[in-house]
Amino acid sequence: MTDSGSGDRPYRFAFLADMQLGAYASFSGLSEEAARSAVEAGLKIEPMPEVEGIEWDADRYAEAARLVNRLQPDLVVIGGDMLDDPSSEEQIAEFMWITGTIEPPVRWVPGNHDAADDTVVPTPASLARYREVFGPDYFAFDAGPLRFVALDTVVIDHPEEVPGEWEAQLAFLEVELAEASARGLTTVVVGHHPLFCVDPTEPEDYWNLPPERRSVILALLHRHGVPMVLSGHWHRNSVVRDGDLEMVVSGPVGYPLGDDPSGLRIVEFDDGRFDHRYVPLGE
């Protein structure tokens, strides 16, 4: 599938992640002890009264959709965690409705809150439900001068309950990267979990991918000269390099867990190079 560019200007796409409809209510009403534990774990969660519903998160996603329509990128890529509760019909319906107001073409990848019943470990049933509601969980497509390879990092993070899925996805990645290299295309890899947040050799934690699978993916990306990986999940921004590869972790449309405000990222590709910036909502 191909999305064409827009003439003389650079090819531009927007990357949005972690609208996570319902997360604000999930983070509300924490006890003092729970709030203190979150801060000690590096999560910036503001104390707030307990609330219900998805209005706070939906308002921010709707604002992001309006911002996208003003900026008019050629493409919108959503980096997962569209929902907070993968079984919530309300959250699915609201996400689909707001997404339908976005004017450029939209693609998305699964987050752990979309494709795992416990929001961590996917199962055959949770993957089947995701695929029924949202479509393929990993795929590739051409867009303007770029080749996008979209990964299901939820499976890569925890493949133990879905035997064969990690192996199938790795084989897919090898084929797609080889084909893009043979065609001379610049490839962007997108997924929910970062390969790493700060350093390619960092130990495994909740926010990154396990080193034993991370190293396999990194080797493939370097072999085929992939210049950029885009992810969300961390609910804050980080841009770090591993040689020629730029690992871009983008902040959330929804509830921030660090110092970066809610926002989205605009990426431009021109003359073989990328420029990108994080745009806070309201800017």
Protein backbone atom coordinates (compact mmCIF):
# COMPACT_ATOMS: atom_id res chain seq x y z
CA MET A 1 0.00 0.00 0.00
CA THR A 2 1.41 3.42 -0.94
CA ASP A 3 0.65 6.93 0.31
CA SER A 4 1.93 9.63 -2.02
CA GLY A 5 3.73 12.76 -0.91
CA SER A 6 2.78 16.39 -1.44
CA GLY A 7 4.85 17.80 -4.27
CA ASP A 8 7.82 20.04 -3.61
CA ARG A 9 7.89 20.10 0.18
CA PRO A 10 9.57 17.42 2.31
CA TYR A 11 7.61 14.27 3.03
CA ARG A 12 6.03 14.84 6.42
CA PHE A 13 4.31 12.46 8.81
CA ALA A 14 2.95 12.76 12.34
CA PHE A 15 3.70 10.21 15.04
CA LEU A 16 1.20 9.94 17.92
CA ALA A 17 1.36 7.49 20.80
CA ASP A 18 -0.32 6.67 24.08
CA MET A 19 -3.64 8.44 23.89
CA GLN A 20 -4.61 5.51 26.16
CA LEU A 21 -8.24 6.43 26.61
CA GLY A 22 -9.14 5.84 30.25
CA ALA A 23 -5.62 6.16 31.70
CA TYR A 24 -6.37 9.42 33.54
CA ALA A 25 -9.06 7.68 35.56
CA SER A 26 -6.70 4.74 36.20
CA PHE A 27 -4.06 7.09 37.62
CA SER A 28 -6.56 9.09 39.69
CA GLY A 29 -7.32 8.56 43.35
CA LEU A 30 -4.01 6.93 44.24
CA SER A 31 -3.23 6.56 47.92
CA GLU A 32 -0.29 8.55 49.29
CA GLU A 33 1.71 5.34 49.50
CA ALA A 34 0.95 4.38 45.89
CA ALA A 35 1.77 7.88 44.68
CA ARG A 36 5.06 7.83 46.59
CA SER A 37 5.94 4.44 45.11
CA ALA A 38 5.23 5.76 41.62
CA VAL A 39 7.55 8.72 42.14
CA GLU A 40 10.27 6.42 43.46
CA ALA A 41 9.85 4.34 40.29
CA GLY A 42 10.45 7.46 38.19
CA LEU A 43 6.83 8.13 37.25
CA LYS A 44 5.61 11.69 37.56
CA ILE A 45 2.01 11.16 38.68
CA GLU A 46 0.22 14.18 40.11
CA PRO A 47 -2.12 13.50 43.07
CA MET A 48 -5.73 13.98 42.00
CA PRO A 49 -9.20 13.01 43.16
CA GLU A 50 -10.62 9.77 41.82
CA VAL A 51 -12.49 10.20 38.54
CA GLU A 52 -14.25 7.85 36.14
CA GLY A 53 -14.62 7.73 32.38
CA ILE A 54 -12.46 8.68 29.42
CA GLU A 55 -13.30 12.37 28.95
CA TRP A 56 -9.84 13.71 29.94
CA ASP A 57 -7.97 11.40 27.56
CA ALA A 58 -10.51 11.73 24.74
CA ASP A 59 -10.32 15.53 24.91
CA ARG A 60 -6.54 15.37 24.38
CA TYR A 61 -6.80 12.94 21.52
CA ALA A 62 -9.45 15.13 19.89
CA GLU A 63 -7.13 18.14 20.34
CA ALA A 64 -4.28 16.15 18.76
CA ALA A 65 -6.56 15.26 15.83
CA ARG A 66 -7.37 18.93 15.28
CA LEU A 67 -3.67 19.81 15.44
CA VAL A 68 -2.89 17.13 12.85
CA ASN A 69 -5.57 18.53 10.55
CA ARG A 70 -4.06 22.02 10.86
CA LEU A 71 -0.54 20.75 10.15
CA GLN A 72 -1.69 18.52 7.27
CA PRO A 73 1.06 15.87 7.24
CA ASP A 74 1.04 13.29 4.47
CA LEU A 75 0.51 10.44 6.93
CA VAL A 76 -0.31 9.76 10.59
CA VAL A 77 1.27 6.83 12.41
CA ILE A 78 -0.09 5.85 15.84
CA GLY A 79 2.40 4.07 18.08
CA GLY A 80 0.05 2.02 20.21
CA ASP A 81 -1.79 2.16 23.52
CA MET A 82 -4.86 3.56 21.88
CA LEU A 83 -6.85 2.16 24.82
CA ASP A 84 -6.34 1.72 28.55
CA ASP A 85 -8.61 -1.32 28.87
CA PRO A 86 -8.42 -3.64 25.83
CA SER A 87 -11.88 -5.06 26.58
CA SER A 88 -13.67 -1.68 26.76
CA GLU A 89 -16.15 -1.22 23.92
CA GLU A 90 -16.54 2.43 24.97
CA GLN A 91 -12.84 3.11 24.59
CA ILE A 92 -12.68 1.33 21.23
CA ALA A 93 -15.69 3.26 19.90
CA GLU A 94 -14.32 6.62 21.06
CA PHE A 95 -10.89 5.91 19.61
CA MET A 96 -12.38 4.96 16.26
CA TRP A 97 -14.67 8.00 16.22
CA ILE A 98 -11.90 10.51 16.94
CA THR A 99 -9.54 8.77 14.51
CA GLY A 100 -12.23 9.14 11.87
CA THR A 101 -11.95 12.95 12.16
CA ILE A 102 -8.27 12.87 11.12
CA GLU A 103 -7.92 13.94 7.50
CA PRO A 104 -4.58 12.34 6.43
CA PRO A 105 -4.30 8.54 6.14
CA VAL A 106 -3.79 6.80 9.50
CA ARG A 107 -1.84 3.61 10.35
CA TRP A 108 -1.34 2.12 13.81
CA VAL A 109 0.59 -0.53 15.73
CA PRO A 110 -0.52 -2.31 18.91
CA GLY A 111 0.49 -1.30 22.40
CA ASN A 112 0.42 -3.56 25.43
CA HIS A 113 -2.88 -1.98 26.52
CA ASP A 114 -4.38 -2.89 23.14
CA ALA A 115 -3.19 -6.46 22.60
CA ALA A 116 -2.83 -8.08 26.05
CA ASP A 117 -5.69 -8.84 28.43
CA ASP A 118 -3.50 -8.11 31.46
CA THR A 119 -1.90 -5.17 29.53
CA VAL A 120 1.47 -6.96 29.55
CA VAL A 121 1.47 -10.54 28.18
CA PRO A 122 -0.45 -11.28 24.95
CA THR A 123 -2.35 -14.52 24.50
CA PRO A 124 -3.82 -16.20 21.40
CA ALA A 125 -7.24 -14.84 22.39
CA SER A 126 -6.00 -11.26 22.97
CA LEU A 127 -4.10 -11.23 19.66
CA ALA A 128 -7.13 -12.59 17.82
CA ARG A 129 -9.32 -9.87 19.33
CA TYR A 130 -6.82 -7.15 18.43
CA ARG A 131 -6.63 -8.39 14.84
CA GLU A 132 -10.42 -8.52 14.59
CA VAL A 133 -10.85 -4.95 15.87
CA PHE A 134 -7.75 -3.17 14.56
CA GLY A 135 -6.39 -5.34 11.74
CA PRO A 136 -2.87 -6.81 11.29
CA ASP A 137 -0.54 -6.35 14.25
CA TYR A 138 2.60 -6.19 12.08
CA PHE A 139 2.87 -5.12 8.45
CA ALA A 140 4.81 -2.94 6.01
CA PHE A 141 3.85 -0.26 3.52
CA ASP A 142 5.37 2.37 1.24
CA ALA A 143 4.58 6.02 1.92
CA GLY A 144 6.07 8.65 -0.35
CA PRO A 145 9.85 8.06 -0.41
CA LEU A 146 9.79 5.87 2.72
CA ARG A 147 9.21 2.24 3.61
CA PHE A 148 7.49 1.75 6.97
CA VAL A 149 7.85 -1.52 8.84
CA ALA A 150 5.35 -1.74 11.70
CA LEU A 151 6.08 -4.22 14.50
CA ASP A 152 4.04 -5.81 17.26
CA THR A 153 6.44 -5.15 20.13
CA VAL A 154 3.91 -6.55 22.59
CA VAL A 155 4.71 -10.01 21.23
CA ILE A 156 8.44 -9.23 21.06
CA ASP A 157 8.36 -8.17 24.71
CA HIS A 158 6.45 -11.24 25.94
CA PRO A 159 6.19 -14.10 23.42
CA GLU A 160 5.79 -16.87 26.01
CA GLU A 161 2.01 -17.36 25.65
CA VAL A 162 1.92 -17.06 21.84
CA PRO A 163 4.34 -19.69 20.52
CA GLY A 164 5.58 -19.10 17.00
CA GLU A 165 4.53 -15.43 16.87
CA TRP A 166 7.96 -13.96 17.65
CA GLU A 167 9.63 -16.29 15.14
CA ALA A 168 7.09 -15.39 12.45
CA GLN A 169 7.54 -11.69 13.07
CA LEU A 170 11.34 -11.96 12.99
CA ALA A 171 11.16 -13.77 9.63
CA PHE A 172 8.81 -11.03 8.36
CA LEU A 173 11.24 -8.33 9.51
CA GLU A 174 14.19 -10.01 7.77
CA VAL A 175 12.28 -10.26 4.50
CA GLU A 176 10.96 -6.69 4.60
CA LEU A 177 14.32 -5.12 5.44
CA ALA A 178 16.08 -7.11 2.71
CA GLU A 179 13.44 -6.07 0.17
CA ALA A 180 13.69 -2.41 1.17
CA SER A 181 17.49 -2.56 0.90
CA ALA A 182 17.27 -4.15 -2.54
CA ARG A 183 14.90 -1.39 -3.68
CA GLY A 184 17.09 1.36 -2.23
CA LEU A 185 14.32 2.61 0.06
CA THR A 186 14.82 4.45 3.34
CA THR A 187 13.10 2.42 6.06
CA VAL A 188 11.44 3.64 9.23
CA VAL A 189 10.59 1.02 11.85
CA VAL A 190 7.70 1.78 14.20
CA GLY A 191 6.54 -0.08 17.30
CA HIS A 192 5.12 0.62 20.72
CA HIS A 193 7.96 -0.43 23.03
CA PRO A 194 11.36 1.23 22.56
CA LEU A 195 14.22 -1.10 21.76
CA PHE A 196 16.00 0.91 24.46
CA CYS A 197 15.30 4.22 26.19
CA VAL A 198 18.76 5.56 27.06
CA ASP A 199 21.45 3.08 25.98
CA PRO A 200 21.41 0.05 23.62
CA THR A 201 23.06 -2.08 26.33
CA GLU A 202 20.71 -1.08 29.15
CA PRO A 203 19.19 -3.91 31.23
CA GLU A 204 15.66 -5.10 30.67
CA ASP A 205 12.84 -3.29 32.44
CA TYR A 206 9.15 -2.59 31.87
CA TRP A 207 9.86 0.21 29.40
CA ASN A 208 12.19 -1.49 26.89
CA LEU A 209 12.54 -4.78 25.01
CA PRO A 210 14.49 -7.73 26.44
CA PRO A 211 18.19 -7.68 25.45
CA GLU A 212 18.12 -11.18 23.93
CA ARG A 213 15.56 -10.12 21.32
CA ARG A 214 16.64 -6.48 21.20
CA SER A 215 20.13 -7.51 20.05
CA VAL A 216 18.73 -9.66 17.23
CA ILE A 217 16.57 -6.79 15.97
CA LEU A 218 19.37 -4.23 16.29
CA ALA A 219 21.72 -6.46 14.29
CA LEU A 220 19.16 -6.64 11.47
CA LEU A 221 18.53 -2.89 11.52
CA HIS A 222 22.24 -2.10 11.35
CA ARG A 223 22.84 -4.67 8.60
CA HIS A 224 20.22 -3.00 6.42
CA GLY A 225 21.09 0.60 7.32
CA VAL A 226 17.80 1.52 8.99
CA PRO A 227 18.19 5.14 10.19
CA MET A 228 15.22 5.52 12.56
CA VAL A 229 13.00 3.59 14.98
CA LEU A 230 9.95 5.36 16.43
CA SER A 231 8.15 4.26 19.59
CA GLY A 232 6.02 5.43 22.49
CA HIS A 233 5.24 3.53 25.72
CA TRP A 234 7.55 5.57 28.03
CA HIS A 235 5.11 8.54 28.15
CA ARG A 236 8.05 10.94 27.79
CA ASN A 237 10.61 11.90 25.14
CA SER A 238 14.03 10.43 24.49
CA VAL A 239 16.19 10.66 21.37
CA VAL A 240 19.37 8.56 21.50
CA ARG A 241 21.64 6.89 18.96
CA ASP A 242 23.23 3.52 18.42
CA GLY A 243 25.74 4.30 15.72
CA ASP A 244 23.81 5.44 12.65
CA LEU A 245 20.47 4.35 14.13
CA GLU A 246 18.33 6.95 15.90
CA MET A 247 16.00 5.55 18.59
CA VAL A 248 13.17 8.06 19.03
CA VAL A 249 10.85 7.59 22.01
CA SER A 250 7.98 10.05 21.71
CA GLY A 251 5.86 11.49 24.49
CA PRO A 252 2.15 10.78 24.94
CA VAL A 253 -0.93 12.32 23.45
CA GLY A 254 -2.52 11.37 26.76
CA TYR A 255 -1.25 11.28 30.34
CA PRO A 256 2.46 12.17 30.75
CA LEU A 257 4.64 10.20 33.16
CA GLY A 258 7.64 12.51 32.95
CA ASP A 259 8.34 16.20 32.44
CA ASP A 260 7.24 16.31 28.79
CA PRO A 261 3.68 17.53 28.17
CA SER A 262 1.04 15.78 26.10
CA GLY A 263 1.86 16.17 22.42
CA LEU A 264 2.79 14.59 19.11
CA ARG A 265 5.85 14.40 16.89
CA ILE A 266 6.24 15.79 13.39
CA VAL A 267 8.85 14.08 11.22
CA GLU A 268 10.10 15.43 7.89
CA PHE A 269 12.20 13.54 5.36
CA ASP A 270 14.02 15.45 2.67
CA ASP A 271 17.13 14.83 0.63
CA GLY A 272 17.94 11.62 2.50
CA ARG A 273 17.74 13.01 6.02
CA PHE A 274 15.19 13.25 8.84
CA ASP A 275 14.24 16.25 10.95
CA HIS A 276 11.68 15.92 13.72
CA ARG A 277 10.30 17.84 16.66
CA TYR A 278 7.88 17.23 19.48
CA VAL A 279 4.86 19.54 19.37
CA PRO A 280 3.03 19.98 22.70
CA LEU A 281 -0.75 20.12 22.49
CA GLY A 282 -1.89 23.72 22.46
CA GLU A 283 1.17 24.95 20.57
